[in-house]
Amino acid sequence: MADDYVPESRWRMGLAALLVGGGLLLGGVVLVRGLLGGGGGGSEGAQPGTDVSRVAFRDAEGNRHTLADYRGRVVLVDVWATWCPPCRRSLPEVAELQKVGGEAYAVLPISVDRGGWSDVKPFLAQNPQLGLTAYLPDGGEALDAFGPIPGIPTTILVDREGRLIKRWSGYGEGLARRALDEAVGRR
C-alpha cells in the first residue's frame, strides 16, 4: 500500500516546491522594485510638469542639496550605480556634460549604490579620468518625487522651475546632450 501512495506524494511535493519557488521569485521581484522605487503607481514615473524640486541628495562632504537649489538652471539628473555596465558606459558623457554645464545647466549624477560612499569613492578614485562629482540620495525616499525608477541608468531632465521635462531609462549615446540642448533652448 505504501508503494501506491508514493507517486501522489511526489506529485504533491513537486507542486509544493513549484509554489514555494514561485512565491520566492515573486517576493524577490517585489523587493527589488521596492528598493529601486518601482513600487506603486505604474512604471512610467512622474509625468512631465511634475514638481520634483524637493528631490534631496548629498555631496561627498555630507552637504545636503535639493533640486530647488538649482532653480533658474536646467538640471539633468543621472541615476546610476557603480556595478551597472550601461551606467559605466554613460559616465564619460555624463562627466563631460557636467564639466561644461556652467550657468546654463547642471548635471547631477546620483548613485544608488547600496554601499553609498563606500562603493562610490573607490570607484571614482579608480576612474580619475572621469573627473565626476557624484552625489547620493538623502535617505530612502529622497528620489520619490521622480516616481518609480525601474532600471538604471535613468536620466531625468528638469526645467528651470524644478518641473520634470522628460525621463528615460537606459543609455543612448548623445541622447542626454540632445535633450539638454533642447531644454536649454526653451524659455
N, C-alpha and C. Protein backbone atom coordinates (compact mmCIF):
# COMPACT_ATOMS: atom_id res chain seq x y z
N MET A 1 0.83 -1.19 0.00
CA MET A 1 0.00 0.00 0.00
C MET A 1 0.87 1.26 0.00
N ALA A 2 2.00 1.22 0.69
CA ALA A 2 2.88 2.37 0.74
C ALA A 2 3.42 2.69 -0.65
N ASP A 3 3.66 1.66 -1.49
CA ASP A 3 4.17 1.89 -2.84
C ASP A 3 3.16 2.61 -3.71
N ASP A 4 1.85 2.38 -3.49
CA ASP A 4 0.82 3.04 -4.28
C ASP A 4 0.70 4.52 -3.92
N TYR A 5 1.12 4.91 -2.77
CA TYR A 5 0.97 6.28 -2.29
C TYR A 5 2.14 7.18 -2.70
N VAL A 6 3.27 6.60 -3.01
CA VAL A 6 4.49 7.35 -3.31
C VAL A 6 4.33 8.30 -4.50
N PRO A 7 3.78 7.87 -5.66
CA PRO A 7 3.68 8.81 -6.78
C PRO A 7 2.85 10.05 -6.44
N GLU A 8 1.77 9.88 -5.71
CA GLU A 8 0.94 11.03 -5.33
C GLU A 8 1.73 11.96 -4.40
N SER A 9 2.52 11.40 -3.50
CA SER A 9 3.33 12.21 -2.59
C SER A 9 4.37 13.00 -3.37
N ARG A 10 5.00 12.36 -4.36
CA ARG A 10 6.00 13.05 -5.18
C ARG A 10 5.34 14.19 -5.96
N TRP A 11 4.16 13.91 -6.47
CA TRP A 11 3.43 14.93 -7.23
C TRP A 11 3.11 16.13 -6.34
N ARG A 12 2.65 15.84 -5.13
CA ARG A 12 2.34 16.92 -4.18
C ARG A 12 3.60 17.68 -3.77
N MET A 13 4.69 16.96 -3.56
CA MET A 13 5.95 17.61 -3.19
C MET A 13 6.45 18.51 -4.33
N GLY A 14 6.32 18.02 -5.56
CA GLY A 14 6.72 18.81 -6.72
C GLY A 14 5.89 20.07 -6.85
N LEU A 15 4.58 19.94 -6.67
CA LEU A 15 3.68 21.10 -6.74
C LEU A 15 3.99 22.08 -5.62
N ALA A 16 4.23 21.57 -4.42
CA ALA A 16 4.56 22.45 -3.29
C ALA A 16 5.88 23.19 -3.57
N ALA A 17 6.87 22.50 -4.11
CA ALA A 17 8.15 23.14 -4.42
C ALA A 17 7.98 24.22 -5.48
N LEU A 18 7.14 23.93 -6.48
CA LEU A 18 6.87 24.90 -7.53
C LEU A 18 6.18 26.15 -6.96
N LEU A 19 5.21 25.95 -6.09
CA LEU A 19 4.51 27.08 -5.48
C LEU A 19 5.43 27.90 -4.58
N VAL A 20 6.25 27.24 -3.80
CA VAL A 20 7.19 27.95 -2.92
C VAL A 20 8.20 28.71 -3.77
N GLY A 21 8.74 28.05 -4.81
CA GLY A 21 9.69 28.73 -5.70
C GLY A 21 9.08 29.94 -6.37
N GLY A 22 7.86 29.81 -6.86
CA GLY A 22 7.16 30.93 -7.49
C GLY A 22 6.92 32.06 -6.51
N GLY A 23 6.57 31.71 -5.28
CA GLY A 23 6.36 32.73 -4.25
C GLY A 23 7.64 33.47 -3.92
N LEU A 24 8.75 32.74 -3.84
CA LEU A 24 10.04 33.37 -3.57
C LEU A 24 10.44 34.29 -4.72
N LEU A 25 10.21 33.85 -5.95
CA LEU A 25 10.53 34.68 -7.11
C LEU A 25 9.70 35.96 -7.11
N LEU A 26 8.41 35.83 -6.86
CA LEU A 26 7.53 36.99 -6.80
C LEU A 26 7.96 37.93 -5.67
N GLY A 27 8.29 37.37 -4.53
CA GLY A 27 8.75 38.19 -3.40
C GLY A 27 10.03 38.93 -3.74
N GLY A 28 10.95 38.27 -4.45
CA GLY A 28 12.18 38.92 -4.87
C GLY A 28 11.94 40.07 -5.82
N VAL A 29 11.03 39.88 -6.77
CA VAL A 29 10.69 40.95 -7.72
C VAL A 29 10.10 42.14 -6.98
N VAL A 30 9.19 41.87 -6.05
CA VAL A 30 8.57 42.95 -5.28
C VAL A 30 9.62 43.69 -4.47
N LEU A 31 10.55 42.96 -3.85
CA LEU A 31 11.60 43.58 -3.06
C LEU A 31 12.50 44.46 -3.92
N VAL A 32 12.94 43.95 -5.06
CA VAL A 32 13.82 44.73 -5.94
C VAL A 32 13.10 45.98 -6.45
N ARG A 33 11.85 45.83 -6.86
CA ARG A 33 11.11 47.00 -7.34
C ARG A 33 10.95 48.03 -6.22
N GLY A 34 10.73 47.56 -5.01
CA GLY A 34 10.61 48.49 -3.89
C GLY A 34 11.91 49.22 -3.60
N LEU A 35 13.04 48.51 -3.68
CA LEU A 35 14.34 49.13 -3.42
C LEU A 35 14.70 50.17 -4.49
N LEU A 36 14.28 49.93 -5.71
CA LEU A 36 14.58 50.87 -6.79
C LEU A 36 13.48 51.90 -6.99
N GLY A 37 12.51 51.94 -6.09
CA GLY A 37 11.44 52.92 -6.22
C GLY A 37 10.39 52.50 -7.23
N GLY A 38 10.32 51.22 -7.56
CA GLY A 38 9.38 50.75 -8.57
C GLY A 38 8.05 50.33 -8.01
N GLY A 39 7.79 50.52 -6.74
CA GLY A 39 6.53 50.08 -6.17
C GLY A 39 5.46 51.13 -6.31
N GLY A 40 4.27 50.69 -6.64
CA GLY A 40 3.09 51.56 -6.64
C GLY A 40 3.05 52.58 -7.73
N GLY A 41 1.95 52.66 -8.42
CA GLY A 41 1.68 53.76 -9.32
C GLY A 41 2.28 53.68 -10.70
N GLY A 42 2.33 52.51 -11.29
CA GLY A 42 2.74 52.43 -12.69
C GLY A 42 4.24 52.45 -12.84
N SER A 43 4.68 52.24 -14.07
CA SER A 43 6.13 52.14 -14.30
C SER A 43 6.68 53.34 -15.05
N GLU A 44 5.86 54.29 -15.43
CA GLU A 44 6.35 55.42 -16.22
C GLU A 44 7.03 56.47 -15.35
N GLY A 45 6.75 56.52 -14.08
CA GLY A 45 7.33 57.53 -13.22
C GLY A 45 6.53 58.82 -13.27
N ALA A 46 7.12 59.87 -12.71
CA ALA A 46 6.48 61.18 -12.69
C ALA A 46 6.25 61.66 -14.12
N GLN A 47 5.18 62.37 -14.31
CA GLN A 47 4.81 62.88 -15.63
C GLN A 47 5.42 64.25 -15.87
N PRO A 48 5.61 64.63 -17.14
CA PRO A 48 6.12 65.97 -17.43
C PRO A 48 5.28 67.04 -16.74
N GLY A 49 5.96 68.03 -16.20
CA GLY A 49 5.29 69.11 -15.47
C GLY A 49 5.23 68.89 -13.97
N THR A 50 5.55 67.68 -13.51
CA THR A 50 5.54 67.38 -12.08
C THR A 50 6.66 68.15 -11.38
N ASP A 51 6.33 68.77 -10.25
CA ASP A 51 7.34 69.48 -9.45
C ASP A 51 8.22 68.44 -8.75
N VAL A 52 9.50 68.42 -9.10
CA VAL A 52 10.44 67.48 -8.49
C VAL A 52 11.50 68.21 -7.68
N SER A 53 11.26 69.48 -7.38
CA SER A 53 12.27 70.31 -6.71
C SER A 53 12.60 69.84 -5.30
N ARG A 54 11.77 69.00 -4.69
CA ARG A 54 12.05 68.51 -3.34
C ARG A 54 13.06 67.35 -3.31
N VAL A 55 13.43 66.81 -4.48
CA VAL A 55 14.42 65.73 -4.52
C VAL A 55 15.68 66.20 -3.80
N ALA A 56 16.14 65.37 -2.85
CA ALA A 56 17.26 65.76 -1.98
C ALA A 56 18.41 64.77 -2.13
N PHE A 57 19.63 65.30 -2.06
CA PHE A 57 20.83 64.48 -2.23
C PHE A 57 21.97 65.13 -1.47
N ARG A 58 23.03 64.33 -1.25
CA ARG A 58 24.19 64.81 -0.50
C ARG A 58 25.45 64.67 -1.34
N ASP A 59 26.36 65.63 -1.15
CA ASP A 59 27.65 65.56 -1.82
C ASP A 59 28.62 64.76 -0.95
N ALA A 60 29.84 64.58 -1.42
CA ALA A 60 30.83 63.75 -0.72
C ALA A 60 31.22 64.30 0.65
N GLU A 61 31.02 65.61 0.85
CA GLU A 61 31.33 66.21 2.15
C GLU A 61 30.15 66.13 3.11
N GLY A 62 29.03 65.59 2.66
CA GLY A 62 27.85 65.44 3.51
C GLY A 62 26.87 66.59 3.43
N ASN A 63 27.14 67.58 2.59
CA ASN A 63 26.22 68.72 2.46
C ASN A 63 24.96 68.31 1.72
N ARG A 64 23.82 68.76 2.25
CA ARG A 64 22.52 68.42 1.67
C ARG A 64 22.14 69.46 0.62
N HIS A 65 21.62 68.97 -0.49
CA HIS A 65 21.16 69.82 -1.59
C HIS A 65 19.78 69.33 -2.02
N THR A 66 19.02 70.20 -2.67
CA THR A 66 17.78 69.80 -3.32
C THR A 66 17.78 70.38 -4.73
N LEU A 67 16.90 69.87 -5.56
CA LEU A 67 16.81 70.43 -6.91
C LEU A 67 16.34 71.88 -6.86
N ALA A 68 15.65 72.27 -5.80
CA ALA A 68 15.22 73.67 -5.64
C ALA A 68 16.44 74.61 -5.60
N ASP A 69 17.58 74.12 -5.14
CA ASP A 69 18.81 74.92 -5.11
C ASP A 69 19.27 75.31 -6.51
N TYR A 70 18.78 74.61 -7.52
CA TYR A 70 19.21 74.83 -8.91
C TYR A 70 18.16 75.60 -9.72
N ARG A 71 17.18 76.16 -9.03
CA ARG A 71 16.14 76.93 -9.73
C ARG A 71 16.80 77.99 -10.61
N GLY A 72 16.30 78.12 -11.82
CA GLY A 72 16.88 79.05 -12.78
C GLY A 72 17.81 78.37 -13.78
N ARG A 73 18.17 77.10 -13.50
CA ARG A 73 19.02 76.33 -14.41
C ARG A 73 18.31 75.03 -14.79
N VAL A 74 18.54 74.58 -15.99
CA VAL A 74 18.07 73.25 -16.39
C VAL A 74 18.96 72.24 -15.67
N VAL A 75 18.38 71.13 -15.22
CA VAL A 75 19.15 70.12 -14.50
C VAL A 75 18.95 68.76 -15.16
N LEU A 76 20.04 68.06 -15.36
CA LEU A 76 20.00 66.69 -15.83
C LEU A 76 20.45 65.82 -14.66
N VAL A 77 19.57 64.94 -14.19
CA VAL A 77 19.89 64.01 -13.10
C VAL A 77 20.12 62.65 -13.73
N ASP A 78 21.26 62.06 -13.40
CA ASP A 78 21.59 60.72 -13.88
C ASP A 78 21.61 59.79 -12.68
N VAL A 79 20.64 58.87 -12.60
CA VAL A 79 20.58 57.90 -11.51
C VAL A 79 21.35 56.67 -11.97
N TRP A 80 22.40 56.31 -11.23
CA TRP A 80 23.33 55.29 -11.69
C TRP A 80 23.87 54.48 -10.51
N ALA A 81 24.69 53.47 -10.81
CA ALA A 81 25.38 52.69 -9.78
C ALA A 81 26.70 52.20 -10.35
N THR A 82 27.66 51.97 -9.49
CA THR A 82 29.00 51.57 -9.92
C THR A 82 29.02 50.19 -10.56
N TRP A 83 28.10 49.31 -10.17
CA TRP A 83 28.09 47.93 -10.65
C TRP A 83 27.32 47.76 -11.96
N CYS A 84 26.73 48.83 -12.47
CA CYS A 84 25.84 48.77 -13.63
C CYS A 84 26.62 49.02 -14.93
N PRO A 85 26.75 48.01 -15.82
CA PRO A 85 27.51 48.20 -17.06
C PRO A 85 26.99 49.35 -17.95
N PRO A 86 25.67 49.50 -18.19
CA PRO A 86 25.24 50.65 -19.00
C PRO A 86 25.55 51.99 -18.33
N CYS A 87 25.50 52.01 -16.99
CA CYS A 87 25.85 53.23 -16.27
C CYS A 87 27.30 53.59 -16.51
N ARG A 88 28.16 52.59 -16.43
CA ARG A 88 29.60 52.82 -16.65
C ARG A 88 29.87 53.34 -18.05
N ARG A 89 29.12 52.83 -19.04
CA ARG A 89 29.28 53.32 -20.41
C ARG A 89 28.83 54.77 -20.54
N SER A 90 27.83 55.16 -19.76
CA SER A 90 27.28 56.51 -19.86
C SER A 90 28.12 57.56 -19.12
N LEU A 91 28.90 57.14 -18.13
CA LEU A 91 29.58 58.10 -17.26
C LEU A 91 30.55 59.05 -17.95
N PRO A 92 31.32 58.63 -18.96
CA PRO A 92 32.17 59.62 -19.63
C PRO A 92 31.35 60.77 -20.24
N GLU A 93 30.22 60.46 -20.84
CA GLU A 93 29.37 61.51 -21.41
C GLU A 93 28.77 62.37 -20.30
N VAL A 94 28.30 61.74 -19.24
CA VAL A 94 27.74 62.47 -18.10
C VAL A 94 28.80 63.41 -17.51
N ALA A 95 30.01 62.90 -17.33
CA ALA A 95 31.09 63.71 -16.76
C ALA A 95 31.42 64.89 -17.67
N GLU A 96 31.47 64.67 -18.96
CA GLU A 96 31.77 65.76 -19.90
C GLU A 96 30.68 66.82 -19.85
N LEU A 97 29.42 66.40 -19.82
CA LEU A 97 28.31 67.35 -19.72
C LEU A 97 28.38 68.12 -18.41
N GLN A 98 28.76 67.43 -17.33
CA GLN A 98 28.88 68.08 -16.02
C GLN A 98 29.94 69.17 -16.05
N LYS A 99 31.04 68.91 -16.72
CA LYS A 99 32.15 69.88 -16.77
C LYS A 99 31.79 71.14 -17.53
N VAL A 100 30.97 71.04 -18.57
CA VAL A 100 30.70 72.21 -19.42
C VAL A 100 29.37 72.88 -19.10
N GLY A 101 28.66 72.41 -18.09
CA GLY A 101 27.32 72.93 -17.78
C GLY A 101 27.25 74.42 -17.53
N GLY A 102 28.05 74.90 -16.62
CA GLY A 102 28.07 76.34 -16.32
C GLY A 102 26.74 76.87 -15.84
N GLU A 103 26.42 78.09 -16.25
CA GLU A 103 25.18 78.75 -15.81
C GLU A 103 23.95 78.22 -16.53
N ALA A 104 24.14 77.61 -17.69
CA ALA A 104 23.00 77.15 -18.49
C ALA A 104 22.33 75.92 -17.89
N TYR A 105 23.14 75.00 -17.39
CA TYR A 105 22.57 73.76 -16.84
C TYR A 105 23.53 73.12 -15.85
N ALA A 106 22.97 72.20 -15.06
CA ALA A 106 23.76 71.42 -14.10
C ALA A 106 23.50 69.94 -14.37
N VAL A 107 24.52 69.13 -14.15
CA VAL A 107 24.40 67.68 -14.29
C VAL A 107 24.71 67.06 -12.94
N LEU A 108 23.78 66.28 -12.44
CA LEU A 108 23.88 65.70 -11.10
C LEU A 108 23.81 64.17 -11.17
N PRO A 109 24.95 63.50 -11.18
CA PRO A 109 24.95 62.04 -11.16
C PRO A 109 24.70 61.56 -9.73
N ILE A 110 23.56 60.93 -9.51
CA ILE A 110 23.18 60.46 -8.17
C ILE A 110 23.27 58.94 -8.14
N SER A 111 24.21 58.43 -7.35
CA SER A 111 24.44 56.99 -7.26
C SER A 111 23.46 56.34 -6.29
N VAL A 112 22.93 55.20 -6.69
CA VAL A 112 22.03 54.43 -5.82
C VAL A 112 22.71 53.15 -5.32
N ASP A 113 24.04 53.15 -5.29
CA ASP A 113 24.77 52.00 -4.75
C ASP A 113 24.36 51.78 -3.30
N ARG A 114 24.08 50.54 -2.95
CA ARG A 114 23.68 50.22 -1.58
C ARG A 114 24.75 50.58 -0.56
N GLY A 115 26.01 50.45 -0.94
CA GLY A 115 27.10 50.76 -0.02
C GLY A 115 27.39 52.24 0.10
N GLY A 116 26.66 53.08 -0.64
CA GLY A 116 26.84 54.52 -0.56
C GLY A 116 28.25 54.94 -0.94
N TRP A 117 28.81 55.86 -0.15
CA TRP A 117 30.13 56.38 -0.44
C TRP A 117 31.20 55.30 -0.37
N SER A 118 30.95 54.22 0.38
CA SER A 118 31.91 53.11 0.46
C SER A 118 32.11 52.46 -0.90
N ASP A 119 31.09 52.52 -1.76
CA ASP A 119 31.19 52.00 -3.12
C ASP A 119 31.64 53.08 -4.10
N VAL A 120 31.09 54.28 -3.93
CA VAL A 120 31.29 55.34 -4.93
C VAL A 120 32.69 55.94 -4.88
N LYS A 121 33.19 56.25 -3.70
CA LYS A 121 34.51 56.89 -3.61
C LYS A 121 35.63 56.03 -4.20
N PRO A 122 35.69 54.72 -3.89
CA PRO A 122 36.73 53.90 -4.53
C PRO A 122 36.56 53.83 -6.06
N PHE A 123 35.32 53.75 -6.52
CA PHE A 123 35.07 53.72 -7.96
C PHE A 123 35.60 54.99 -8.63
N LEU A 124 35.30 56.14 -8.03
CA LEU A 124 35.77 57.41 -8.60
C LEU A 124 37.30 57.51 -8.53
N ALA A 125 37.89 56.99 -7.46
CA ALA A 125 39.34 57.01 -7.33
C ALA A 125 40.01 56.12 -8.39
N GLN A 126 39.35 55.02 -8.75
CA GLN A 126 39.88 54.12 -9.77
C GLN A 126 39.64 54.66 -11.18
N ASN A 127 38.79 55.67 -11.31
CA ASN A 127 38.45 56.25 -12.61
C ASN A 127 38.63 57.76 -12.59
N PRO A 128 39.84 58.24 -12.26
CA PRO A 128 40.04 59.69 -12.13
C PRO A 128 39.86 60.43 -13.46
N GLN A 129 40.00 59.72 -14.58
CA GLN A 129 39.83 60.37 -15.87
C GLN A 129 38.42 60.92 -16.05
N LEU A 130 37.47 60.42 -15.29
CA LEU A 130 36.10 60.92 -15.39
C LEU A 130 36.00 62.35 -14.85
N GLY A 131 36.66 62.60 -13.73
CA GLY A 131 36.54 63.92 -13.11
C GLY A 131 35.11 64.20 -12.67
N LEU A 132 34.40 63.16 -12.29
CA LEU A 132 32.98 63.24 -11.98
C LEU A 132 32.74 63.67 -10.53
N THR A 133 31.81 64.59 -10.33
CA THR A 133 31.35 64.93 -8.99
C THR A 133 30.03 64.20 -8.80
N ALA A 134 30.03 63.24 -7.88
CA ALA A 134 28.85 62.39 -7.68
C ALA A 134 28.11 62.79 -6.41
N TYR A 135 26.88 62.30 -6.31
CA TYR A 135 26.01 62.57 -5.17
C TYR A 135 25.30 61.28 -4.79
N LEU A 136 24.74 61.28 -3.57
CA LEU A 136 23.93 60.16 -3.10
C LEU A 136 22.57 60.70 -2.68
N PRO A 137 21.52 59.87 -2.79
CA PRO A 137 20.21 60.32 -2.30
C PRO A 137 20.28 60.62 -0.81
N ASP A 138 19.51 61.59 -0.36
CA ASP A 138 19.48 61.94 1.06
C ASP A 138 18.38 61.13 1.75
N GLY A 139 18.60 59.83 1.86
CA GLY A 139 17.64 58.96 2.51
C GLY A 139 16.87 58.11 1.51
N GLY A 140 16.11 57.16 2.05
CA GLY A 140 15.40 56.19 1.23
C GLY A 140 14.29 56.73 0.37
N GLU A 141 13.74 57.88 0.73
CA GLU A 141 12.62 58.45 -0.03
C GLU A 141 13.02 59.71 -0.79
N ALA A 142 14.31 59.98 -0.84
CA ALA A 142 14.79 61.24 -1.41
C ALA A 142 14.46 61.41 -2.89
N LEU A 143 14.35 60.31 -3.62
CA LEU A 143 14.09 60.38 -5.06
C LEU A 143 12.63 60.10 -5.41
N ASP A 144 11.78 59.97 -4.41
CA ASP A 144 10.37 59.60 -4.63
C ASP A 144 9.62 60.54 -5.57
N ALA A 145 9.98 61.80 -5.61
CA ALA A 145 9.27 62.74 -6.49
C ALA A 145 9.40 62.35 -7.95
N PHE A 146 10.46 61.61 -8.28
CA PHE A 146 10.65 61.15 -9.66
C PHE A 146 9.71 60.02 -10.02
N GLY A 147 9.08 59.41 -9.03
CA GLY A 147 8.26 58.23 -9.28
C GLY A 147 9.15 57.01 -9.36
N PRO A 148 8.57 55.88 -9.77
CA PRO A 148 9.35 54.64 -9.83
C PRO A 148 10.56 54.77 -10.77
N ILE A 149 11.65 54.18 -10.34
CA ILE A 149 12.85 54.10 -11.18
C ILE A 149 13.07 52.61 -11.43
N PRO A 150 12.50 52.11 -12.54
CA PRO A 150 12.50 50.67 -12.77
C PRO A 150 13.85 50.09 -13.18
N GLY A 151 14.77 50.91 -13.59
CA GLY A 151 16.07 50.43 -14.01
C GLY A 151 17.05 51.58 -14.06
N ILE A 152 18.33 51.23 -14.13
CA ILE A 152 19.36 52.27 -14.22
C ILE A 152 20.26 51.96 -15.40
N PRO A 153 20.86 52.95 -15.99
CA PRO A 153 20.70 54.35 -15.62
C PRO A 153 19.32 54.88 -16.00
N THR A 154 18.83 55.79 -15.18
CA THR A 154 17.63 56.55 -15.51
C THR A 154 18.05 58.01 -15.52
N THR A 155 17.66 58.70 -16.57
CA THR A 155 18.00 60.10 -16.72
C THR A 155 16.74 60.93 -16.62
N ILE A 156 16.80 62.00 -15.83
CA ILE A 156 15.65 62.87 -15.59
C ILE A 156 16.08 64.29 -15.94
N LEU A 157 15.31 64.92 -16.79
CA LEU A 157 15.60 66.29 -17.20
C LEU A 157 14.59 67.21 -16.53
N VAL A 158 15.09 68.26 -15.86
CA VAL A 158 14.27 69.15 -15.04
C VAL A 158 14.41 70.57 -15.58
N ASP A 159 13.28 71.29 -15.66
CA ASP A 159 13.32 72.66 -16.19
C ASP A 159 13.80 73.65 -15.14
N ARG A 160 13.87 74.90 -15.52
CA ARG A 160 14.41 75.96 -14.65
C ARG A 160 13.55 76.21 -13.42
N GLU A 161 12.31 75.74 -13.44
CA GLU A 161 11.39 75.93 -12.31
C GLU A 161 11.29 74.68 -11.42
N GLY A 162 12.08 73.65 -11.72
CA GLY A 162 12.05 72.44 -10.90
C GLY A 162 10.99 71.44 -11.31
N ARG A 163 10.49 71.56 -12.55
CA ARG A 163 9.47 70.63 -13.05
C ARG A 163 10.09 69.65 -14.04
N LEU A 164 9.60 68.44 -14.00
CA LEU A 164 10.10 67.40 -14.88
C LEU A 164 9.78 67.73 -16.34
N ILE A 165 10.79 67.64 -17.20
CA ILE A 165 10.59 67.80 -18.64
C ILE A 165 10.39 66.44 -19.27
N LYS A 166 11.36 65.54 -19.04
CA LYS A 166 11.27 64.19 -19.57
C LYS A 166 12.19 63.28 -18.79
N ARG A 167 12.00 61.97 -18.98
CA ARG A 167 12.83 60.97 -18.33
C ARG A 167 12.92 59.75 -19.21
N TRP A 168 14.01 59.02 -19.06
CA TRP A 168 14.16 57.77 -19.80
C TRP A 168 15.12 56.87 -19.05
N SER A 169 15.00 55.58 -19.30
CA SER A 169 15.91 54.60 -18.71
C SER A 169 16.76 54.01 -19.81
N GLY A 170 17.99 53.67 -19.46
CA GLY A 170 18.93 53.12 -20.42
C GLY A 170 19.85 54.21 -20.94
N TYR A 171 20.89 53.76 -21.64
CA TYR A 171 21.87 54.70 -22.18
C TYR A 171 21.84 54.67 -23.69
N GLY A 172 21.74 55.85 -24.27
CA GLY A 172 21.87 56.02 -25.71
C GLY A 172 22.87 57.13 -25.95
N GLU A 173 23.92 56.83 -26.69
CA GLU A 173 24.98 57.80 -26.91
C GLU A 173 24.41 59.09 -27.50
N GLY A 174 24.73 60.21 -26.86
CA GLY A 174 24.30 61.53 -27.35
C GLY A 174 22.89 61.93 -26.95
N LEU A 175 22.11 61.03 -26.38
CA LEU A 175 20.73 61.33 -26.02
C LEU A 175 20.64 62.43 -24.96
N ALA A 176 21.48 62.35 -23.95
CA ALA A 176 21.46 63.36 -22.88
C ALA A 176 21.86 64.73 -23.44
N ARG A 177 22.86 64.77 -24.28
CA ARG A 177 23.32 66.04 -24.89
C ARG A 177 22.19 66.67 -25.70
N ARG A 178 21.53 65.88 -26.53
CA ARG A 178 20.43 66.41 -27.36
C ARG A 178 19.28 66.92 -26.50
N ALA A 179 18.94 66.17 -25.45
CA ALA A 179 17.84 66.58 -24.57
C ALA A 179 18.21 67.88 -23.84
N LEU A 180 19.45 67.98 -23.38
CA LEU A 180 19.90 69.21 -22.71
C LEU A 180 19.88 70.40 -23.67
N ASP A 181 20.39 70.20 -24.87
CA ASP A 181 20.40 71.29 -25.86
C ASP A 181 18.99 71.80 -26.12
N GLU A 182 18.07 70.88 -26.26
CA GLU A 182 16.67 71.25 -26.49
C GLU A 182 16.10 72.00 -25.28
N ALA A 183 16.36 71.49 -24.09
CA ALA A 183 15.81 72.10 -22.87
C ALA A 183 16.42 73.47 -22.60
N VAL A 184 17.70 73.63 -22.83
CA VAL A 184 18.37 74.90 -22.59
C VAL A 184 17.84 75.96 -23.58
N GLY A 185 17.50 75.52 -24.78
CA GLY A 185 16.96 76.44 -25.78
C GLY A 185 15.56 76.93 -25.48
N ARG A 186 14.84 76.22 -24.59
CA ARG A 186 13.48 76.64 -24.20
C ARG A 186 13.55 77.85 -23.30
N ARG A 187 12.54 78.65 -23.35
CA ARG A 187 12.43 79.76 -22.40
C ARG A 187 11.05 79.82 -21.86
